[in-house]
Amino acid sequence: MLRDQEDSGALSTRRVEILLTLMEDSEDLKAVFLKTLRSRLHSLLENHERNIPSPKYWVLTEASNINALQEGGTFTQTLWKKIQAVVTPILAQLVSVIDRDCNLDLLLDVNCGKEVKKLWLEIFGSNEMLDIPLVKVDPK
């Protein structure tokens, strides 16, 4: 997960606030950010899926895992926990990379020009210009 170097957690809180603001579909910039975020997350999940055995049978695998079913309580809860266990670290890695050096602040900065914001979004959307390393997800 993402951890601030200082223990205050202020940076993590600020990241969440920025992400929530950017996820509102009210403006063109925010809509482009949200579309790009979804696209990059989808791409990372596809890459993750290529590296797991029998990706088409993950539901069956979870259904046969007695320990996971007991821990989850219901089949639906077990699947939800599995989805969270996969998506959360990948999303955290994605946010960590794009917010390096507080880059997300650029998108909300009123003093930052539209050209800079557009360039940042183009870099964020390009797999060639911005490589986001695949994080290893715990198979639990």
Protein backbone atom coordinates (compact mmCIF):
# COMPACT_ATOMS: atom_id res chain seq x y z
CA MET A 1 0.00 0.00 0.00
CA LEU A 2 0.93 3.63 -0.18
CA ARG A 3 2.73 4.89 2.87
CA ASP A 4 3.81 8.43 3.60
CA GLN A 5 7.42 8.78 4.60
CA GLU A 6 6.33 10.82 7.58
CA ASP A 7 3.83 9.17 9.87
CA SER A 8 1.27 11.99 9.78
CA GLY A 9 -0.66 10.61 6.78
CA ALA A 10 -1.24 14.11 5.42
CA LEU A 11 0.00 13.22 1.95
CA SER A 12 -2.29 10.18 1.72
CA THR A 13 -5.24 12.28 2.83
CA ARG A 14 -4.38 14.94 0.26
CA ARG A 15 -4.10 12.29 -2.49
CA VAL A 16 -7.58 11.00 -1.66
CA GLU A 17 -9.02 14.52 -1.68
CA ILE A 18 -7.43 15.27 -5.05
CA LEU A 19 -8.62 11.98 -6.54
CA LEU A 20 -12.17 12.54 -5.31
CA THR A 21 -12.16 16.03 -6.83
CA LEU A 22 -10.78 14.75 -10.12
CA MET A 23 -13.33 11.93 -10.29
CA GLU A 24 -16.22 14.34 -10.64
CA ASP A 25 -17.25 14.31 -14.31
CA SER A 26 -18.14 18.01 -14.27
CA GLU A 27 -15.34 19.43 -16.41
CA ASP A 28 -13.52 18.33 -19.55
CA LEU A 29 -10.19 18.04 -17.72
CA LYS A 30 -11.67 15.87 -15.00
CA ALA A 31 -13.48 13.72 -17.55
CA VAL A 32 -10.24 13.14 -19.48
CA PHE A 33 -8.43 12.30 -16.23
CA LEU A 34 -11.12 9.82 -15.21
CA LYS A 35 -11.17 8.17 -18.63
CA THR A 36 -7.37 7.87 -18.61
CA LEU A 37 -7.35 6.54 -15.05
CA ARG A 38 -9.88 3.85 -15.98
CA SER A 39 -7.94 2.94 -19.10
CA ARG A 40 -4.62 2.63 -17.27
CA LEU A 41 -6.19 0.63 -14.43
CA HIS A 42 -7.83 -1.68 -16.97
CA SER A 43 -4.49 -2.16 -18.73
CA LEU A 44 -2.72 -2.97 -15.45
CA LEU A 45 -5.44 -5.47 -14.52
CA GLU A 46 -5.10 -7.13 -17.92
CA ASN A 47 -1.33 -7.41 -17.39
CA HIS A 48 -1.95 -8.92 -13.95
CA GLU A 49 -4.41 -11.40 -15.44
CA ARG A 50 -1.82 -12.57 -17.98
CA ASN A 51 0.49 -13.55 -15.11
CA ILE A 52 -1.90 -15.70 -13.10
CA PRO A 53 -2.67 -19.35 -13.74
CA SER A 54 -6.11 -20.05 -15.24
CA PRO A 55 -7.43 -16.48 -15.18
CA LYS A 56 -10.79 -17.54 -16.65
CA TYR A 57 -11.46 -19.78 -13.66
CA TRP A 58 -10.76 -17.39 -10.78
CA VAL A 59 -14.38 -17.56 -9.59
CA LEU A 60 -14.22 -21.36 -9.50
CA THR A 61 -10.90 -21.17 -7.68
CA GLU A 62 -12.42 -18.91 -5.02
CA ALA A 63 -15.51 -21.13 -4.79
CA SER A 64 -13.28 -24.11 -4.04
CA ASN A 65 -11.24 -22.28 -1.40
CA ILE A 66 -12.88 -23.34 1.86
CA ASN A 67 -10.74 -20.99 3.97
CA ALA A 68 -11.67 -17.97 1.84
CA LEU A 69 -15.36 -18.90 1.99
CA GLN A 70 -15.26 -19.27 5.77
CA GLU A 71 -13.47 -15.95 6.12
CA GLY A 72 -15.82 -14.17 3.71
CA GLY A 73 -18.99 -15.62 5.18
CA THR A 74 -20.86 -15.69 1.89
CA PHE A 75 -19.83 -16.49 -1.65
CA THR A 76 -20.53 -12.89 -2.72
CA GLN A 77 -18.42 -11.48 0.12
CA THR A 78 -15.61 -13.89 -0.74
CA LEU A 79 -15.59 -12.73 -4.37
CA TRP A 80 -15.73 -9.09 -3.28
CA LYS A 81 -12.74 -9.60 -0.98
CA LYS A 82 -10.81 -11.24 -3.82
CA ILE A 83 -11.57 -8.35 -6.18
CA GLN A 84 -10.46 -5.86 -3.52
CA ALA A 85 -7.29 -7.84 -2.86
CA VAL A 86 -6.36 -7.60 -6.54
CA VAL A 87 -7.54 -4.09 -7.46
CA THR A 88 -6.46 -2.18 -4.34
CA PRO A 89 -2.67 -2.71 -4.60
CA ILE A 90 -2.73 -2.11 -8.36
CA LEU A 91 -4.69 1.12 -7.94
CA ALA A 92 -2.37 2.18 -5.10
CA GLN A 93 0.66 1.58 -7.34
CA LEU A 94 -0.96 3.59 -10.13
CA VAL A 95 -1.68 6.53 -7.82
CA SER A 96 1.82 6.32 -6.36
CA VAL A 97 3.40 6.59 -9.81
CA ILE A 98 1.20 9.39 -11.15
CA ASP A 99 1.46 11.44 -7.96
CA ARG A 100 5.23 11.20 -7.68
CA ASP A 101 6.50 14.69 -6.80
CA CYS A 102 2.86 15.73 -6.18
CA ASN A 103 2.00 15.68 -9.89
CA LEU A 104 -1.74 15.42 -9.20
CA ASP A 105 -1.58 18.93 -7.72
CA LEU A 106 -0.90 20.25 -11.25
CA LEU A 107 -4.37 19.29 -12.42
CA LEU A 108 -6.08 21.36 -9.74
CA ASP A 109 -3.65 24.28 -9.72
CA VAL A 110 -5.41 27.36 -11.13
CA ASN A 111 -2.02 28.96 -11.86
CA CYS A 112 -0.98 26.03 -14.06
CA GLY A 113 -1.66 26.52 -17.76
CA LYS A 114 -3.98 24.30 -19.77
CA GLU A 115 -1.07 23.25 -22.00
CA VAL A 116 0.84 21.84 -19.02
CA LYS A 117 -2.23 19.98 -17.80
CA LYS A 118 -2.88 18.62 -21.28
CA LEU A 119 0.75 17.48 -21.58
CA TRP A 120 0.56 15.78 -18.18
CA LEU A 121 -2.62 13.95 -19.22
CA GLU A 122 -1.00 12.86 -22.49
CA ILE A 123 2.00 11.48 -20.60
CA PHE A 124 -0.29 9.75 -18.11
CA GLY A 125 -2.28 8.18 -20.94
CA SER A 126 0.76 6.93 -22.86
CA ASN A 127 2.05 3.45 -22.05
CA GLU A 128 5.24 4.29 -23.93
CA MET A 129 6.04 7.48 -22.03
CA LEU A 130 4.90 6.36 -18.58
CA ASP A 131 5.66 2.81 -17.61
CA ILE A 132 3.78 1.72 -14.53
CA PRO A 133 5.46 -1.36 -13.08
CA LEU A 134 3.21 -4.27 -12.25
CA VAL A 135 2.87 -4.74 -8.52
CA LYS A 136 2.91 -8.29 -7.18
CA VAL A 137 -0.48 -9.11 -5.73
CA ASP A 138 -0.61 -11.48 -2.77
CA PRO A 139 -2.33 -14.65 -4.02
CA LYS A 140 -4.35 -15.06 -0.78
